[in-house]
Amino acid sequence: MEKYYIVARIEGEYAYLRELDSEDEVFIAMALLPPGTDVGTKLKNEFFSYEIVE
């Protein structure tokens, strides 16, 4: 199952991701996200793996 997120904010070593389909937020360690992730980046999560999408 895939979910889409946008990076809402970054605080230290953690990124707060907002689901595109809802207003739910989750936080995750920056080390688990792809290089180049920044505020406003759109991400796809599939099978516990994140990738940047346009």
PDB file of N, CA and C in Angstrom:
ATOM      1  N   MET A   1       0.848  -1.180   0.000  1.00  0.00           N
ATOM      2  CA  MET A   1       0.000   0.000   0.000  1.00  0.00           C
ATOM      3  C   MET A   1       0.890   1.237   0.000  1.00  0.00           C
ATOM      4  N   GLU A   2       0.614   2.144  -0.881  1.00  0.00           N
ATOM      5  CA  GLU A   2       1.425   3.349  -0.948  1.00  0.00           C
ATOM      6  C   GLU A   2       0.663   4.539  -0.371  1.00  0.00           C
ATOM      7  N   LYS A   3       1.412   5.426   0.260  1.00  0.00           N
ATOM      8  CA  LYS A   3       0.869   6.664   0.801  1.00  0.00           C
ATOM      9  C   LYS A   3       1.750   7.805   0.337  1.00  0.00           C
ATOM     10  N   TYR A   4       1.132   8.954   0.192  1.00  0.00           N
ATOM     11  CA  TYR A   4       1.857  10.138  -0.252  1.00  0.00           C
ATOM     12  C   TYR A   4       1.866  11.176   0.858  1.00  0.00           C
ATOM     13  N   TYR A   5       3.031  11.815   1.018  1.00  0.00           N
ATOM     14  CA  TYR A   5       3.235  12.802   2.074  1.00  0.00           C
ATOM     15  C   TYR A   5       3.900  14.037   1.500  1.00  0.00           C
ATOM     16  N   ILE A   6       3.811  15.114   2.267  1.00  0.00           N
ATOM     17  CA  ILE A   6       4.597  16.313   1.992  1.00  0.00           C
ATOM     18  C   ILE A   6       5.315  16.655   3.295  1.00  0.00           C
ATOM     19  N   VAL A   7       6.567  17.072   3.174  1.00  0.00           N
ATOM     20  CA  VAL A   7       7.338  17.422   4.362  1.00  0.00           C
ATOM     21  C   VAL A   7       6.843  18.780   4.853  1.00  0.00           C
ATOM     22  N   ALA A   8       6.214  18.782   6.024  1.00  0.00           N
ATOM     23  CA  ALA A   8       5.640  20.003   6.580  1.00  0.00           C
ATOM     24  C   ALA A   8       6.695  20.852   7.287  1.00  0.00           C
ATOM     25  N   ARG A   9       7.581  20.194   8.036  1.00  0.00           N
ATOM     26  CA  ARG A   9       8.645  20.917   8.731  1.00  0.00           C
ATOM     27  C   ARG A   9       9.735  19.927   9.142  1.00  0.00           C
ATOM     28  N   ILE A  10      10.906  20.483   9.402  1.00  0.00           N
ATOM     29  CA  ILE A  10      12.037  19.692   9.866  1.00  0.00           C
ATOM     30  C   ILE A  10      12.525  20.318  11.159  1.00  0.00           C
ATOM     31  N   GLU A  11      12.652  19.481  12.175  1.00  0.00           N
ATOM     32  CA  GLU A  11      13.153  19.933  13.473  1.00  0.00           C
ATOM     33  C   GLU A  11      14.303  19.028  13.886  1.00  0.00           C
ATOM     34  N   GLY A  12      15.500  19.523  13.724  1.00  0.00           N
ATOM     35  CA  GLY A  12      16.679  18.738  14.075  1.00  0.00           C
ATOM     36  C   GLY A  12      16.816  17.521  13.185  1.00  0.00           C
ATOM     37  N   GLU A  13      16.825  16.352  13.801  1.00  0.00           N
ATOM     38  CA  GLU A  13      17.007  15.096  13.073  1.00  0.00           C
ATOM     39  C   GLU A  13      15.698  14.469  12.607  1.00  0.00           C
ATOM     40  N   TYR A  14      14.580  15.167  12.794  1.00  0.00           N
ATOM     41  CA  TYR A  14      13.272  14.600  12.460  1.00  0.00           C
ATOM     42  C   TYR A  14      12.520  15.465  11.463  1.00  0.00           C
ATOM     43  N   ALA A  15      11.785  14.798  10.579  1.00  0.00           N
ATOM     44  CA  ALA A  15      10.907  15.480   9.624  1.00  0.00           C
ATOM     45  C   ALA A  15       9.469  15.154   9.991  1.00  0.00           C
ATOM     46  N   TYR A  16       8.615  16.144   9.915  1.00  0.00           N
ATOM     47  CA  TYR A  16       7.181  15.954  10.149  1.00  0.00           C
ATOM     48  C   TYR A  16       6.509  15.893   8.786  1.00  0.00           C
ATOM     49  N   LEU A  17       5.869  14.764   8.518  1.00  0.00           N
ATOM     50  CA  LEU A  17       5.237  14.525   7.230  1.00  0.00           C
ATOM     51  C   LEU A  17       3.729  14.623   7.363  1.00  0.00           C
ATOM     52  N   ARG A  18       3.082  15.312   6.430  1.00  0.00           N
ATOM     53  CA  ARG A  18       1.628  15.424   6.413  1.00  0.00           C
ATOM     54  C   ARG A  18       1.093  14.592   5.259  1.00  0.00           C
ATOM     55  N   GLU A  19       0.147  13.723   5.553  1.00  0.00           N
ATOM     56  CA  GLU A  19      -0.474  12.918   4.499  1.00  0.00           C
ATOM     57  C   GLU A  19      -1.215  13.835   3.535  1.00  0.00           C
ATOM     58  N   LEU A  20      -1.117  13.548   2.248  1.00  0.00           N
ATOM     59  CA  LEU A  20      -1.792  14.386   1.257  1.00  0.00           C
ATOM     60  C   LEU A  20      -3.306  14.186   1.278  1.00  0.00           C
ATOM     61  N   ASP A  21      -3.767  13.000   1.674  1.00  0.00           N
ATOM     62  CA  ASP A  21      -5.202  12.712   1.693  1.00  0.00           C
ATOM     63  C   ASP A  21      -5.901  13.199   2.957  1.00  0.00           C
ATOM     64  N   SER A  22      -5.126  13.533   3.982  1.00  0.00           N
ATOM     65  CA  SER A  22      -5.719  13.987   5.244  1.00  0.00           C
ATOM     66  C   SER A  22      -4.772  14.981   5.894  1.00  0.00           C
ATOM     67  N   GLU A  23      -5.126  15.432   7.057  1.00  0.00           N
ATOM     68  CA  GLU A  23      -4.281  16.382   7.777  1.00  0.00           C
ATOM     69  C   GLU A  23      -3.444  15.686   8.850  1.00  0.00           C
ATOM     70  N   ASP A  24      -3.400  14.351   8.824  1.00  0.00           N
ATOM     71  CA  ASP A  24      -2.617  13.608   9.804  1.00  0.00           C
ATOM     72  C   ASP A  24      -1.132  13.865   9.594  1.00  0.00           C
ATOM     73  N   GLU A  25      -0.398  13.980  10.697  1.00  0.00           N
ATOM     74  CA  GLU A  25       1.044  14.173  10.644  1.00  0.00           C
ATOM     75  C   GLU A  25       1.747  13.022  11.336  1.00  0.00           C
ATOM     76  N   VAL A  26       2.877  12.638  10.786  1.00  0.00           N
ATOM     77  CA  VAL A  26       3.751  11.647  11.398  1.00  0.00           C
ATOM     78  C   VAL A  26       5.156  12.238  11.405  1.00  0.00           C
ATOM     79  N   PHE A  27       6.001  11.754  12.291  1.00  0.00           N
ATOM     80  CA  PHE A  27       7.384  12.208  12.241  1.00  0.00           C
ATOM     81  C   PHE A  27       8.292  11.006  12.063  1.00  0.00           C
ATOM     82  N   ILE A  28       9.399  11.252  11.382  1.00  0.00           N
ATOM     83  CA  ILE A  28      10.328  10.189  11.029  1.00  0.00           C
ATOM     84  C   ILE A  28      11.740  10.766  11.023  1.00  0.00           C
ATOM     85  N   ALA A  29      12.708   9.924  11.335  1.00  0.00           N
ATOM     86  CA  ALA A  29      14.106  10.350  11.332  1.00  0.00           C
ATOM     87  C   ALA A  29      14.541  10.711   9.915  1.00  0.00           C
ATOM     88  N   MET A  30      15.257  11.801   9.794  1.00  0.00           N
ATOM     89  CA  MET A  30      15.751  12.244   8.489  1.00  0.00           C
ATOM     90  C   MET A  30      16.648  11.186   7.838  1.00  0.00           C
ATOM     91  N   ALA A  31      17.322  10.382   8.635  1.00  0.00           N
ATOM     92  CA  ALA A  31      18.222   9.361   8.104  1.00  0.00           C
ATOM     93  C   ALA A  31      17.473   8.313   7.282  1.00  0.00           C
ATOM     94  N   LEU A  32      16.167   8.180   7.487  1.00  0.00           N
ATOM     95  CA  LEU A  32      15.373   7.194   6.756  1.00  0.00           C
ATOM     96  C   LEU A  32      14.776   7.751   5.461  1.00  0.00           C
ATOM     97  N   LEU A  33      14.971   9.049   5.229  1.00  0.00           N
ATOM     98  CA  LEU A  33      14.422   9.690   4.028  1.00  0.00           C
ATOM     99  C   LEU A  33      15.503   9.837   2.970  1.00  0.00           C
ATOM    100  N   PRO A  34      15.097   9.942   1.695  1.00  0.00           N
ATOM    101  CA  PRO A  34      16.096  10.049   0.623  1.00  0.00           C
ATOM    102  C   PRO A  34      16.891  11.346   0.695  1.00  0.00           C
ATOM    103  N   PRO A  35      18.133  11.321   0.205  1.00  0.00           N
ATOM    104  CA  PRO A  35      18.935  12.550   0.148  1.00  0.00           C
ATOM    105  C   PRO A  35      18.205  13.619  -0.658  1.00  0.00           C
ATOM    106  N   GLY A  36      18.322  14.855  -0.225  1.00  0.00           N
ATOM    107  CA  GLY A  36      17.664  15.960  -0.918  1.00  0.00           C
ATOM    108  C   GLY A  36      16.298  16.300  -0.359  1.00  0.00           C
ATOM    109  N   THR A  37      15.843  15.560   0.653  1.00  0.00           N
ATOM    110  CA  THR A  37      14.537  15.849   1.263  1.00  0.00           C
ATOM    111  C   THR A  37      14.611  17.166   2.011  1.00  0.00           C
ATOM    112  N   ASP A  38      13.630  18.037   1.772  1.00  0.00           N
ATOM    113  CA  ASP A  38      13.560  19.348   2.423  1.00  0.00           C
ATOM    114  C   ASP A  38      12.092  19.699   2.623  1.00  0.00           C
ATOM    115  N   VAL A  39      11.839  20.797   3.301  1.00  0.00           N
ATOM    116  CA  VAL A  39      10.463  21.250   3.519  1.00  0.00           C
ATOM    117  C   VAL A  39       9.786  21.453   2.168  1.00  0.00           C
ATOM    118  N   GLY A  40       8.587  20.900   2.011  1.00  0.00           N
ATOM    119  CA  GLY A  40       7.851  21.010   0.763  1.00  0.00           C
ATOM    120  C   GLY A  40       8.054  19.837  -0.193  1.00  0.00           C
ATOM    121  N   THR A  41       8.990  18.959   0.117  1.00  0.00           N
ATOM    122  CA  THR A  41       9.244  17.793  -0.733  1.00  0.00           C
ATOM    123  C   THR A  41       8.075  16.822  -0.649  1.00  0.00           C
ATOM    124  N   LYS A  42       7.653  16.306  -1.798  1.00  0.00           N
ATOM    125  CA  LYS A  42       6.597  15.287  -1.830  1.00  0.00           C
ATOM    126  C   LYS A  42       7.256  13.913  -1.839  1.00  0.00           C
ATOM    127  N   LEU A  43       6.746  13.028  -0.986  1.00  0.00           N
ATOM    128  CA  LEU A  43       7.318  11.697  -0.834  1.00  0.00           C
ATOM    129  C   LEU A  43       6.265  10.626  -1.023  1.00  0.00           C
ATOM    130  N   LYS A  44       6.711   9.488  -1.538  1.00  0.00           N
ATOM    131  CA  LYS A  44       5.855   8.310  -1.632  1.00  0.00           C
ATOM    132  C   LYS A  44       6.436   7.256  -0.710  1.00  0.00           C
ATOM    133  N   ASN A  45       5.591   6.670   0.125  1.00  0.00           N
ATOM    134  CA  ASN A  45       6.009   5.602   1.022  1.00  0.00           C
ATOM    135  C   ASN A  45       5.363   4.320   0.536  1.00  0.00           C
ATOM    136  N   GLU A  46       6.201   3.353   0.199  1.00  0.00           N
ATOM    137  CA  GLU A  46       5.714   2.055  -0.237  1.00  0.00           C
ATOM    138  C   GLU A  46       6.621   0.992   0.368  1.00  0.00           C
ATOM    139  N   PHE A  47       6.024   0.078   1.119  1.00  0.00           N
ATOM    140  CA  PHE A  47       6.777  -1.003   1.763  1.00  0.00           C
ATOM    141  C   PHE A  47       7.913  -0.458   2.637  1.00  0.00           C
ATOM    142  N   PHE A  48       7.609   0.563   3.440  1.00  0.00           N
ATOM    143  CA  PHE A  48       8.551   1.159   4.397  1.00  0.00           C
ATOM    144  C   PHE A  48       9.766   1.788   3.731  1.00  0.00           C
ATOM    145  N   SER A  49       9.609   2.192   2.483  1.00  0.00           N
ATOM    146  CA  SER A  49      10.670   2.855   1.748  1.00  0.00           C
ATOM    147  C   SER A  49      10.121   4.157   1.181  1.00  0.00           C
ATOM    148  N   TYR A  50      10.881   5.237   1.330  1.00  0.00           N
ATOM    149  CA  TYR A  50      10.442   6.542   0.857  1.00  0.00           C
ATOM    150  C   TYR A  50      11.194   6.915  -0.413  1.00  0.00           C
ATOM    151  N   GLU A  51      10.467   7.565  -1.338  1.00  0.00           N
ATOM    152  CA  GLU A  51      11.123   8.107  -2.524  1.00  0.00           C
ATOM    153  C   GLU A  51      10.486   9.448  -2.861  1.00  0.00           C
ATOM    154  N   ILE A  52      11.289  10.322  -3.429  1.00  0.00           N
ATOM    155  CA  ILE A  52      10.823  11.659  -3.806  1.00  0.00           C
ATOM    156  C   ILE A  52      10.023  11.546  -5.097  1.00  0.00           C
ATOM    157  N   VAL A  53       8.862  12.224  -5.121  1.00  0.00           N
ATOM    158  CA  VAL A  53       8.031  12.264  -6.326  1.00  0.00           C
ATOM    159  C   VAL A  53       7.829  13.714  -6.737  1.00  0.00           C
ATOM    160  N   GLU A  54       7.591  13.918  -7.987  1.00  0.00           N
ATOM    161  CA  GLU A  54       7.370  15.275  -8.511  1.00  0.00           C
ATOM    162  C   GLU A  54       5.926  15.668  -8.397  1.00  0.00           C
TER     163      GLU A  54
END
